[in-house]
N, C-alpha and C. Protein backbone atom coordinates (compact mmCIF):
# COMPACT_ATOMS: atom_id res chain seq x y z
N MET A 1 -54.61 11.62 260.89
CA MET A 1 -55.80 12.52 260.51
C MET A 1 -55.27 13.05 259.34
N ASN A 2 -55.86 12.93 257.99
CA ASN A 2 -55.40 13.56 256.90
C ASN A 2 -56.61 14.64 256.23
N ASN A 3 -56.23 15.80 256.01
CA ASN A 3 -57.17 16.81 255.48
C ASN A 3 -56.56 17.42 254.29
N SER A 4 -56.23 16.51 253.41
CA SER A 4 -55.52 16.99 251.85
C SER A 4 -56.75 17.30 250.98
N ASP A 5 -57.94 16.73 251.24
CA ASP A 5 -58.97 16.89 250.55
C ASP A 5 -59.73 18.20 250.73
N ILE A 6 -59.53 18.97 251.60
CA ILE A 6 -59.87 20.27 252.05
C ILE A 6 -59.38 21.31 251.58
N VAL A 7 -59.72 22.19 250.75
CA VAL A 7 -58.92 23.58 250.10
C VAL A 7 -58.75 24.21 251.05
N GLY A 8 -57.44 24.80 251.13
CA GLY A 8 -57.10 25.82 252.09
C GLY A 8 -56.57 25.28 253.45
N ALA A 9 -56.71 23.71 253.65
CA ALA A 9 -56.34 23.55 255.04
C ALA A 9 -54.89 23.04 255.04
N GLY A 10 -54.05 23.15 254.21
CA GLY A 10 -52.59 23.12 254.32
C GLY A 10 -51.90 24.30 253.70
N PRO A 11 -50.42 24.19 253.94
CA PRO A 11 -49.98 25.32 253.47
C PRO A 11 -50.05 25.68 252.00
N ARG A 12 -49.73 26.91 251.59
CA ARG A 12 -49.97 27.26 250.28
C ARG A 12 -48.59 26.74 249.53
N GLN A 13 -48.57 26.54 248.26
CA GLN A 13 -47.45 26.03 247.58
C GLN A 13 -46.46 27.41 247.34
N LEU A 14 -45.14 27.21 247.86
CA LEU A 14 -44.14 28.43 247.37
C LEU A 14 -44.14 28.46 246.07
N HIS A 15 -43.71 27.53 245.47
CA HIS A 15 -43.41 27.90 243.78
C HIS A 15 -44.66 26.94 242.98
N PHE A 16 -45.28 27.77 242.18
CA PHE A 16 -46.23 27.26 241.43
C PHE A 16 -45.70 26.44 240.19
N GLY A 17 -46.25 25.57 239.71
CA GLY A 17 -45.63 24.64 238.73
C GLY A 17 -45.04 25.65 237.58
N LEU A 18 -43.91 25.56 237.42
CA LEU A 18 -43.07 26.24 236.09
C LEU A 18 -43.05 25.16 235.11
N ALA A 19 -43.45 25.04 233.91
CA ALA A 19 -43.47 24.32 233.09
C ALA A 19 -42.31 24.49 232.02
N LYS A 20 -41.17 25.03 232.77
CA LYS A 20 -39.87 25.21 231.90
C LYS A 20 -38.86 24.13 232.06
N PRO A 21 -38.78 23.45 230.98
CA PRO A 21 -37.80 22.22 231.08
C PRO A 21 -36.08 22.57 231.55
N GLU A 22 -35.64 22.03 232.29
CA GLU A 22 -34.16 22.28 232.67
C GLU A 22 -33.14 21.56 231.87
N TYR A 23 -32.46 22.22 231.08
CA TYR A 23 -31.37 21.71 230.35
C TYR A 23 -29.80 21.93 230.80
N ASN A 24 -29.86 21.87 232.15
CA ASN A 24 -28.48 22.15 232.75
C ASN A 24 -27.78 20.74 232.43
N LEU A 25 -26.53 20.91 231.98
CA LEU A 25 -25.48 19.84 231.79
C LEU A 25 -26.22 18.41 231.12
N THR A 26 -27.13 18.74 230.29
CA THR A 26 -27.79 17.65 229.42
C THR A 26 -27.42 17.79 228.12
N ASN A 27 -27.98 16.96 227.28
CA ASN A 27 -28.03 17.11 226.07
C ASN A 27 -29.35 16.55 225.45
N ASN A 28 -30.26 16.70 226.20
CA ASN A 28 -31.68 16.40 225.85
C ASN A 28 -32.31 17.19 224.72
N ASP A 29 -31.90 18.33 224.71
CA ASP A 29 -32.52 19.55 223.88
C ASP A 29 -31.75 19.31 222.40
N ILE A 30 -30.97 18.32 222.24
CA ILE A 30 -30.34 18.27 221.08
C ILE A 30 -30.85 16.97 220.36
N GLU A 31 -31.36 17.09 218.79
CA GLU A 31 -32.11 16.02 218.37
C GLU A 31 -31.00 15.00 218.07
N LYS A 32 -31.44 13.79 218.02
CA LYS A 32 -30.69 12.63 217.68
C LYS A 32 -29.15 12.46 218.47
N SER A 33 -29.10 13.09 219.75
CA SER A 33 -28.21 13.03 220.52
C SER A 33 -28.15 11.95 221.52
N GLN A 34 -29.26 11.14 221.36
CA GLN A 34 -29.54 10.23 222.44
C GLN A 34 -29.44 8.99 221.80
N PRO A 35 -29.21 7.74 222.37
CA PRO A 35 -29.43 6.41 221.70
C PRO A 35 -30.77 6.18 221.21
N CYS A 36 -31.03 5.64 220.29
CA CYS A 36 -32.26 4.92 219.90
C CYS A 36 -32.19 3.78 219.48
N ALA A 37 -32.09 2.71 220.45
CA ALA A 37 -31.74 1.41 219.84
C ALA A 37 -32.91 0.68 219.26
N TRP A 38 -33.90 1.04 219.70
CA TRP A 38 -35.24 0.35 218.94
C TRP A 38 -35.38 0.66 217.41
N LYS A 39 -34.78 1.92 217.02
CA LYS A 39 -34.90 2.05 215.66
C LYS A 39 -33.77 1.48 214.83
N PHE A 40 -32.70 0.73 215.45
CA PHE A 40 -31.51 0.31 214.73
C PHE A 40 -31.98 -0.96 213.73
N LYS A 41 -31.85 -0.96 212.52
CA LYS A 41 -31.93 -2.23 211.54
C LYS A 41 -30.98 -2.20 210.76
N THR A 42 -30.55 -3.43 210.72
CA THR A 42 -29.22 -3.81 209.70
C THR A 42 -29.79 -4.96 208.69
N LYS A 43 -29.07 -4.87 207.51
CA LYS A 43 -29.17 -5.60 206.48
C LYS A 43 -28.45 -7.03 206.42
N ARG A 44 -27.33 -6.96 207.51
CA ARG A 44 -26.33 -8.06 207.61
C ARG A 44 -27.22 -9.52 207.80
N GLU A 45 -26.61 -10.44 207.63
CA GLU A 45 -27.31 -11.71 207.85
C GLU A 45 -26.56 -12.14 209.24
N GLN A 46 -27.47 -13.10 209.95
CA GLN A 46 -26.86 -13.28 211.32
C GLN A 46 -25.95 -14.43 210.96
N SER A 47 -24.77 -14.45 211.77
CA SER A 47 -23.70 -15.48 211.41
C SER A 47 -23.30 -15.94 213.06
N ASN A 48 -22.84 -17.09 212.93
CA ASN A 48 -22.40 -17.88 214.26
C ASN A 48 -20.84 -17.49 214.33
N PRO A 49 -20.53 -16.76 215.35
CA PRO A 49 -19.14 -16.27 215.58
C PRO A 49 -18.18 -17.46 215.67
N LEU A 50 -18.43 -18.66 216.29
CA LEU A 50 -17.69 -19.74 216.27
C LEU A 50 -17.46 -20.41 214.97
N ASN A 51 -18.21 -20.15 214.04
CA ASN A 51 -18.25 -20.87 212.76
C ASN A 51 -18.53 -19.73 211.76
N PRO A 52 -17.86 -18.68 211.54
CA PRO A 52 -18.26 -17.56 210.65
C PRO A 52 -18.24 -18.03 208.93
N ASN A 53 -19.29 -17.26 208.51
CA ASN A 53 -19.56 -17.56 206.92
C ASN A 53 -19.07 -16.33 206.37
N TYR A 54 -17.95 -16.06 205.65
CA TYR A 54 -17.56 -14.88 205.07
C TYR A 54 -17.89 -14.72 203.56
N LYS A 55 -18.56 -13.59 202.76
CA LYS A 55 -18.64 -13.47 201.62
C LYS A 55 -17.45 -12.62 201.18
N LEU A 56 -16.67 -13.36 200.46
CA LEU A 56 -15.52 -12.55 199.83
C LEU A 56 -15.95 -12.06 198.41
N THR A 57 -15.27 -10.73 198.14
CA THR A 57 -15.57 -10.44 196.78
C THR A 57 -14.90 -11.10 195.71
N ASN A 58 -15.45 -11.22 194.43
CA ASN A 58 -14.71 -11.94 193.55
C ASN A 58 -13.99 -11.07 192.76
N PHE A 59 -12.71 -11.62 192.19
CA PHE A 59 -12.10 -10.74 191.08
C PHE A 59 -11.30 -11.44 190.37
N GLU A 60 -10.98 -10.88 189.18
CA GLU A 60 -10.19 -11.56 188.32
C GLU A 60 -8.63 -11.07 188.00
N TYR A 61 -7.64 -12.00 188.07
CA TYR A 61 -6.44 -11.70 188.08
C TYR A 61 -5.94 -11.26 186.63
N VAL A 62 -5.32 -10.19 186.48
CA VAL A 62 -4.90 -9.51 185.29
C VAL A 62 -3.38 -9.55 185.34
N LYS A 63 -2.77 -10.07 184.61
CA LYS A 63 -1.29 -10.26 184.69
C LYS A 63 -0.55 -8.74 184.20
N PRO A 64 0.19 -8.11 184.73
CA PRO A 64 0.61 -6.96 184.52
C PRO A 64 1.61 -7.16 183.23
N GLU A 65 1.52 -6.11 182.43
CA GLU A 65 2.31 -6.03 181.10
C GLU A 65 3.83 -5.97 181.74
N GLU A 66 4.97 -6.53 181.00
CA GLU A 66 6.26 -6.68 181.08
C GLU A 66 6.72 -5.04 180.41
N PRO A 67 7.46 -4.48 181.08
CA PRO A 67 7.88 -3.14 180.81
C PRO A 67 8.83 -3.39 179.47
N LYS A 68 8.79 -2.52 178.46
CA LYS A 68 9.81 -2.53 177.40
C LYS A 68 11.24 -2.24 177.71
N PHE A 69 12.19 -2.90 177.41
CA PHE A 69 13.43 -2.87 177.69
C PHE A 69 14.06 -1.65 176.79
N ILE A 70 14.72 -0.85 177.67
CA ILE A 70 15.22 0.34 176.69
C ILE A 70 16.62 0.35 176.69
N ARG A 71 17.19 0.55 177.93
CA ARG A 71 18.71 0.28 178.32
C ARG A 71 18.88 -0.06 179.58
N ASP A 72 20.09 -0.57 179.94
CA ASP A 72 20.59 -0.64 181.19
C ASP A 72 21.08 0.56 181.60
N SER A 73 20.72 1.15 182.67
CA SER A 73 21.09 2.18 182.93
C SER A 73 22.33 2.12 184.12
N MET A 74 22.67 0.89 184.44
CA MET A 74 23.84 0.51 185.47
C MET A 74 25.07 0.36 184.67
N LYS A 75 24.92 0.11 183.42
CA LYS A 75 26.07 -0.14 182.72
C LYS A 75 26.72 1.32 182.01
N ASN A 76 27.96 1.43 182.06
CA ASN A 76 28.53 2.68 181.46
C ASN A 76 29.75 2.20 180.60
N ASP A 77 29.61 0.95 179.96
CA ASP A 77 30.93 0.45 179.25
C ASP A 77 31.18 1.73 178.23
N ASP A 78 30.15 2.19 177.60
CA ASP A 78 30.58 3.09 176.34
C ASP A 78 31.34 4.39 176.75
N ILE A 79 31.40 4.87 177.95
CA ILE A 79 32.25 5.78 178.36
C ILE A 79 33.63 5.46 178.68
N GLU A 80 34.43 6.23 177.87
CA GLU A 80 35.84 5.86 178.09
C GLU A 80 36.56 6.07 179.55
N GLY A 81 37.41 5.36 180.11
CA GLY A 81 37.82 5.42 181.52
C GLY A 81 36.90 5.22 182.78
N SER A 82 35.81 4.59 182.26
CA SER A 82 34.64 4.35 183.38
C SER A 82 34.89 3.23 184.21
N ARG A 83 36.01 2.36 183.67
CA ARG A 83 36.25 1.13 184.31
C ARG A 83 37.60 1.30 184.92
N PRO A 84 37.86 0.68 186.09
CA PRO A 84 39.20 0.67 186.90
C PRO A 84 40.34 -0.01 185.85
N LYS A 85 41.55 0.32 186.27
CA LYS A 85 42.81 -0.19 185.51
C LYS A 85 43.02 -1.45 186.20
N VAL A 86 43.38 -2.39 185.23
CA VAL A 86 43.94 -3.62 185.81
C VAL A 86 45.15 -3.78 186.14
N VAL A 87 45.34 -3.91 187.47
CA VAL A 87 46.75 -3.88 187.99
C VAL A 87 47.54 -5.22 188.31
N GLN A 88 48.57 -5.41 187.56
CA GLN A 88 49.34 -6.74 187.96
C GLN A 88 50.32 -6.80 189.10
N HIS A 89 49.88 -7.59 189.97
CA HIS A 89 50.51 -7.58 191.43
C HIS A 89 51.58 -8.44 191.32
N LYS A 90 52.74 -8.20 192.05
CA LYS A 90 53.92 -9.03 192.12
C LYS A 90 53.49 -10.27 193.13
N PRO A 91 54.00 -11.31 193.06
CA PRO A 91 53.73 -12.51 193.72
C PRO A 91 54.16 -12.01 195.19
N VAL A 92 53.32 -12.51 196.18
CA VAL A 92 53.50 -12.05 197.43
C VAL A 92 54.34 -13.53 198.30
N ARG A 93 55.60 -13.06 198.78
CA ARG A 93 56.27 -14.05 199.72
C ARG A 93 55.53 -14.69 200.81
N ASP A 94 55.91 -15.76 200.94
CA ASP A 94 55.26 -16.66 202.07
C ASP A 94 55.99 -16.29 203.45
N PRO A 95 55.30 -15.62 204.18
CA PRO A 95 56.10 -14.96 205.61
C PRO A 95 56.23 -16.06 206.40
N ILE A 96 56.00 -17.35 206.44
CA ILE A 96 56.30 -18.41 207.29
C ILE A 96 57.52 -19.02 206.75
N ASN A 97 57.91 -19.00 205.38
CA ASN A 97 58.81 -19.93 204.85
C ASN A 97 59.91 -19.01 204.91
N VAL A 98 60.99 -19.60 205.28
CA VAL A 98 62.33 -18.77 205.53
C VAL A 98 63.48 -19.51 204.88
N LYS A 99 63.18 -20.27 203.81
CA LYS A 99 64.36 -20.69 203.02
C LYS A 99 65.16 -19.75 202.05
N ASP A 100 64.63 -18.86 201.77
CA ASP A 100 65.20 -17.67 200.89
C ASP A 100 65.95 -16.63 201.81
N ILE A 101 66.03 -16.77 203.16
CA ILE A 101 66.85 -16.20 203.86
C ILE A 101 68.10 -16.88 204.28
N GLU A 102 69.50 -16.31 204.01
CA GLU A 102 70.49 -17.01 204.37
C GLU A 102 70.93 -17.09 205.93
N GLY A 103 71.40 -18.29 206.08
CA GLY A 103 71.56 -18.66 207.64
C GLY A 103 70.34 -18.66 208.49
N ALA A 104 69.27 -18.84 207.81
CA ALA A 104 67.91 -18.98 208.83
C ALA A 104 67.55 -20.59 208.29
N SER A 105 67.73 -21.21 209.31
CA SER A 105 67.25 -22.79 209.25
C SER A 105 66.61 -23.51 210.42
N ASN A 106 66.05 -24.57 210.33
CA ASN A 106 65.65 -25.18 211.38
C ASN A 106 66.76 -25.99 212.40
N ARG A 107 67.92 -26.37 211.70
CA ARG A 107 68.60 -26.93 212.54
C ARG A 107 69.50 -25.93 213.21
N VAL A 108 69.77 -26.37 214.64
CA VAL A 108 70.68 -25.58 215.55
C VAL A 108 71.90 -26.15 215.57
N PRO A 109 73.08 -25.48 215.18
CA PRO A 109 74.46 -26.31 215.23
C PRO A 109 74.86 -26.29 217.06
N TYR A 110 75.66 -27.59 217.06
CA TYR A 110 75.83 -27.80 218.46
C TYR A 110 77.38 -27.52 218.53
């Protein structure tokens, strides 16, 4: 049996309708903080990801100018004493050859 259509036949509401919105732990009160996918519009053309068509920017190559030669900063020939002295070495004796040593020979006397 249902008596909800009779006024006063049921318990009174404990809290009457409070029209205050609750913003606890939400960002609903911040404008444009929610996604709005139906408003997104792009000017990009549709492309096939398996066969993409890229529009690359055009450019004109300009060859760079060669810098004017002023001087070679690695050469210092004009400074006296800036080069190492040339040293004449004595010829080196062959360490394996023993012909110049008296008494040393390959023959063993019996």
